[in-house]
Amino acid sequence: MKRSIGLARLLVLAVLAGVAAWSLAEVAQAGPSAPSVPAEIRPPVGHKVFLEGHAVGVQIYSCNATSAGYRWGFVGPRADLYDDRGNVVLTHFAGPTWRAKDGSRVVGRFVDGVTVEATAIPWLLLSAAATAPGTDGDRLARTTYVQRVATTGGLAPEASACTESTVGTTDEVPYTADYFFWKAGGVGE
């Protein structure tokens, strides 16, 4: 009788361990959670987040002479995107373009933006204007949308700093943001 009780306990423990492992596998396949954002920058229904990166970098501006006077113009970003363990997973540069370690890339096209904090660059939704696999994989090749949220810094320098004597100079303004990469996702995927 003791032996059958011991086997029953082992069976129960095995079942519990299996259920726990199955639950963890489902969580691992679920991907990152979608951020809470204003409606203007939500991707359409039928897309799901597959990658999140925390950007640290600069927004680059150039001082230009225009018919209306001297103005800062946006040149592009330069940033590294990190995962939750602090590993660089993507680079971000003009285009706007994101490139993964495997060489795959996505180029974004502006869809909409919202100013959430007056001291930071806007939160954005961009559609994938172009994607490409890399020589070592296709991590970003199925991207449909990119969101930029939780921004700090990155605004153009003060207008008064762009003058006749500074035309042609650039200024790199530090910023941080979280980027969410979306792909088309069906039920059960």
Foldseek 3Di string as FASTA:
>chain_A
DVVVVVVVVVVVVVVVVVVVVVVVVVVVVQADADDDDPPQADDDPQKDWHDKWKKKWWWKWAWAQDPVGIDIDTDWIWIFTADPVGDGAWTAIPLRKIAGPQGKIFRWDFRDWDCPDPQWDTKTKTAGPAIDAHPRGGPQRQFGIKIKAPKHKHDDPDGVVRHPVRHGPMDIIIMITMMTTMGRHDPPD
